[in-house]
């Protein structure tokens, strides 16, 4: 964490285990993310990325410890904490029987945004995502790339301070990937903190200002990509990733 920057997310001594498991998964886990960062949570299947993302967003609650979102505890003040962030899940969080504009109206109102602001923001985000001409088209008729771009617009309709992104460019076309990443950089330049997870390591290398490699619910490397590559002597993030996590398949 850059100590000169205020903290966006603070995870303090977090412990968590699923009810079916006798042993805790996360044990005394801590992490700090500064405001304005593009932070990547990377790791193999089963490493704990999804569980951690669910804890950060309040879907799961820790057994011990605390998670502060812009100073608000997701454990003790979940409503206040959830007002601070947006979430773009890998599975599209959209109503297919509604149009793009109707989806943005619904999620904007659900987030407490005033109608006049919804209209202004919806037009802006749909134009940025190349969806303005399709605003009155049913989402069920959208391509996968269109749904991913709309999914992002829905996640930021309330202009959150922090945006969580779970595989935001998974299975999209090159044009949609370019549009999404360009829009994310624009959001970040305007002050939005990004917390991003992906298996596309070359994309993470280009997008993230800092990363944490996670395996077995532990941070095994953390820093800027340049710092980690220099310290390890590896040529890119993929070779570093394989050297730290191994080449065995992680199918579970």
Foldseek 3Di string as FASTA:
>chain_A
DPPVAAWQKWWAQFWADDPVDPDIQAGGDIDTDGWLFAEEEEEAPPLCPVVVVCCQLLVDDTPDTFMAGNRHTCHPCVVVNNLQEFEQAPPQPFDQQFFLLVRLQVLCVVSPHDPVLSVVLSCVLCVLQVNNVRRRPGNVPDDPLSSLSSSVSSRCSSPHQEYEYEASCPPHDPVSVVSVLVVVVVSSVVTRYYYYYDPPQVVCLVRGQKYFYGGSNHGPDIGGQVVQCVVVVDDGDVVVNCVRRPDDHDPD
